[in-house]
Amino acid sequence: MDANFSSLPLDEDHEPVLYESVLVVGWFQADVSLPVGEDAMPRFRLLAWEDLAQDRER
């Protein structure tokens, strides 16, 4: 499975109206249950957003 996440821009010089930070995450789980498997959620919270996400223009 995969998911696209977005948030405010990382670079303080980027105007939040024009920019956002984005991160695409892919993972494997035993079944295709929705919502996301309970084992994946704690790992999402551990992702180092500032290290992994990138700013892009909207």
N, C-alpha and C. Protein backbone atom coordinates (compact mmCIF):
# COMPACT_ATOMS: atom_id res chain seq x y z
N MET A 1 0.86 -1.16 0.00
CA MET A 1 0.00 0.00 0.00
C MET A 1 0.90 1.23 0.00
N ASP A 2 0.33 2.36 -0.33
CA ASP A 2 1.07 3.61 -0.26
C ASP A 2 0.12 4.74 0.11
N ALA A 3 0.70 5.82 0.58
CA ALA A 3 -0.09 6.99 0.97
C ALA A 3 0.73 8.24 0.72
N ASN A 4 0.05 9.31 0.37
CA ASN A 4 0.66 10.63 0.19
C ASN A 4 0.26 11.50 1.38
N PHE A 5 1.26 12.08 2.02
CA PHE A 5 1.02 12.97 3.15
C PHE A 5 1.50 14.36 2.79
N SER A 6 0.84 15.38 3.31
CA SER A 6 1.28 16.76 3.08
C SER A 6 1.09 17.58 4.35
N SER A 7 1.89 18.65 4.44
CA SER A 7 1.85 19.52 5.60
C SER A 7 2.36 20.89 5.20
N LEU A 8 2.56 21.74 6.19
CA LEU A 8 3.12 23.06 5.94
C LEU A 8 4.53 22.93 5.38
N PRO A 9 5.02 23.92 4.63
CA PRO A 9 6.37 23.82 4.08
C PRO A 9 7.43 23.75 5.18
N LEU A 10 8.52 23.06 4.89
CA LEU A 10 9.62 22.94 5.83
C LEU A 10 10.47 24.21 5.85
N ASP A 11 10.69 24.79 4.69
CA ASP A 11 11.50 25.99 4.56
C ASP A 11 10.68 27.21 5.00
N GLU A 12 11.16 27.91 6.02
CA GLU A 12 10.42 29.06 6.55
C GLU A 12 10.27 30.19 5.53
N ASP A 13 11.10 30.21 4.52
CA ASP A 13 11.01 31.23 3.47
C ASP A 13 9.92 30.92 2.45
N HIS A 14 9.40 29.69 2.47
CA HIS A 14 8.33 29.33 1.54
C HIS A 14 6.98 29.74 2.10
N GLU A 15 6.25 30.47 1.32
CA GLU A 15 4.92 30.96 1.69
C GLU A 15 3.95 29.76 1.77
N PRO A 16 3.29 29.52 2.92
CA PRO A 16 2.39 28.37 3.07
C PRO A 16 1.24 28.33 2.06
N VAL A 17 0.88 29.47 1.53
CA VAL A 17 -0.18 29.49 0.52
C VAL A 17 0.33 28.90 -0.80
N LEU A 18 1.62 29.04 -1.06
CA LEU A 18 2.19 28.60 -2.33
C LEU A 18 2.92 27.26 -2.25
N TYR A 19 3.35 26.86 -1.05
CA TYR A 19 4.15 25.65 -0.89
C TYR A 19 3.58 24.73 0.17
N GLU A 20 3.92 23.46 0.05
CA GLU A 20 3.59 22.46 1.05
C GLU A 20 4.74 21.46 1.10
N SER A 21 4.87 20.76 2.20
CA SER A 21 5.83 19.66 2.26
C SER A 21 5.07 18.37 2.01
N VAL A 22 5.70 17.45 1.31
CA VAL A 22 5.04 16.20 0.94
C VAL A 22 5.95 15.02 1.21
N LEU A 23 5.32 13.89 1.48
CA LEU A 23 6.04 12.64 1.70
C LEU A 23 5.15 11.50 1.22
N VAL A 24 5.69 10.64 0.39
CA VAL A 24 4.99 9.44 -0.06
C VAL A 24 5.59 8.26 0.68
N VAL A 25 4.73 7.46 1.29
CA VAL A 25 5.17 6.31 2.09
C VAL A 25 4.55 5.05 1.51
N GLY A 26 5.37 4.03 1.31
CA GLY A 26 4.89 2.73 0.86
C GLY A 26 5.17 1.69 1.93
N TRP A 27 4.31 0.72 2.07
CA TRP A 27 4.51 -0.33 3.06
C TRP A 27 3.78 -1.59 2.64
N PHE A 28 4.14 -2.68 3.26
CA PHE A 28 3.50 -3.97 3.03
C PHE A 28 2.77 -4.38 4.29
N GLN A 29 1.59 -4.99 4.11
CA GLN A 29 0.86 -5.53 5.24
C GLN A 29 0.19 -6.82 4.80
N ALA A 30 -0.18 -7.65 5.75
CA ALA A 30 -0.68 -9.00 5.47
C ALA A 30 -1.97 -8.99 4.66
N ASP A 31 -2.85 -8.03 4.89
CA ASP A 31 -4.10 -7.99 4.14
C ASP A 31 -4.37 -6.57 3.66
N VAL A 32 -5.39 -6.43 2.86
CA VAL A 32 -5.70 -5.14 2.27
C VAL A 32 -6.83 -4.46 3.05
N SER A 33 -6.77 -4.55 4.35
CA SER A 33 -7.82 -3.98 5.19
C SER A 33 -7.67 -2.46 5.26
N LEU A 34 -8.78 -1.80 5.28
CA LEU A 34 -8.81 -0.36 5.50
C LEU A 34 -9.65 -0.11 6.73
N PRO A 35 -9.34 0.81 7.57
CA PRO A 35 -8.18 1.69 7.49
C PRO A 35 -6.87 0.92 7.62
N VAL A 36 -5.79 1.64 7.59
CA VAL A 36 -4.45 1.06 7.62
C VAL A 36 -4.31 0.11 8.79
N GLY A 37 -3.57 -0.96 8.58
CA GLY A 37 -3.34 -1.95 9.63
C GLY A 37 -2.77 -1.31 10.88
N GLU A 38 -3.20 -1.79 12.02
CA GLU A 38 -2.77 -1.21 13.30
C GLU A 38 -1.26 -1.24 13.49
N ASP A 39 -0.57 -2.19 12.87
CA ASP A 39 0.88 -2.27 13.03
C ASP A 39 1.61 -1.16 12.28
N ALA A 40 0.99 -0.55 11.28
CA ALA A 40 1.63 0.51 10.49
C ALA A 40 1.55 1.88 11.17
N MET A 41 0.48 2.16 11.88
CA MET A 41 0.26 3.49 12.45
C MET A 41 1.39 3.96 13.38
N PRO A 42 1.86 3.15 14.31
CA PRO A 42 2.96 3.62 15.17
C PRO A 42 4.22 3.95 14.37
N ARG A 43 4.45 3.23 13.29
CA ARG A 43 5.63 3.50 12.46
C ARG A 43 5.50 4.80 11.70
N PHE A 44 4.29 5.15 11.28
CA PHE A 44 4.08 6.46 10.63
C PHE A 44 4.47 7.59 11.58
N ARG A 45 4.11 7.44 12.84
CA ARG A 45 4.41 8.49 13.82
C ARG A 45 5.92 8.64 14.07
N LEU A 46 6.69 7.60 13.80
CA LEU A 46 8.13 7.64 14.01
C LEU A 46 8.91 8.21 12.82
N LEU A 47 8.24 8.44 11.69
CA LEU A 47 8.94 8.96 10.51
C LEU A 47 9.52 10.35 10.80
N ALA A 48 10.74 10.57 10.39
CA ALA A 48 11.42 11.86 10.59
C ALA A 48 11.01 12.80 9.45
N TRP A 49 9.86 13.45 9.62
CA TRP A 49 9.27 14.29 8.57
C TRP A 49 10.29 15.29 8.02
N GLU A 50 11.00 15.98 8.89
CA GLU A 50 11.93 17.01 8.45
C GLU A 50 13.06 16.44 7.60
N ASP A 51 13.41 15.19 7.81
CA ASP A 51 14.49 14.54 7.05
C ASP A 51 14.00 13.91 5.75
N LEU A 52 12.74 13.52 5.70
CA LEU A 52 12.24 12.74 4.58
C LEU A 52 11.36 13.53 3.61
N ALA A 53 10.57 14.46 4.12
CA ALA A 53 9.64 15.21 3.27
C ALA A 53 10.39 16.26 2.45
N GLN A 54 9.75 16.71 1.38
CA GLN A 54 10.32 17.75 0.53
C GLN A 54 9.26 18.80 0.26
N ASP A 55 9.69 20.04 0.19
CA ASP A 55 8.77 21.12 -0.17
C ASP A 55 8.52 21.10 -1.67
N ARG A 56 7.29 21.43 -2.04
CA ARG A 56 6.94 21.59 -3.46
C ARG A 56 5.94 22.71 -3.60
N GLU A 57 5.94 23.31 -4.75
CA GLU A 57 4.98 24.36 -5.04
C GLU A 57 3.63 23.73 -5.31
N ARG A 58 2.59 24.33 -4.78
CA ARG A 58 1.24 23.77 -4.95
C ARG A 58 0.77 23.92 -6.37
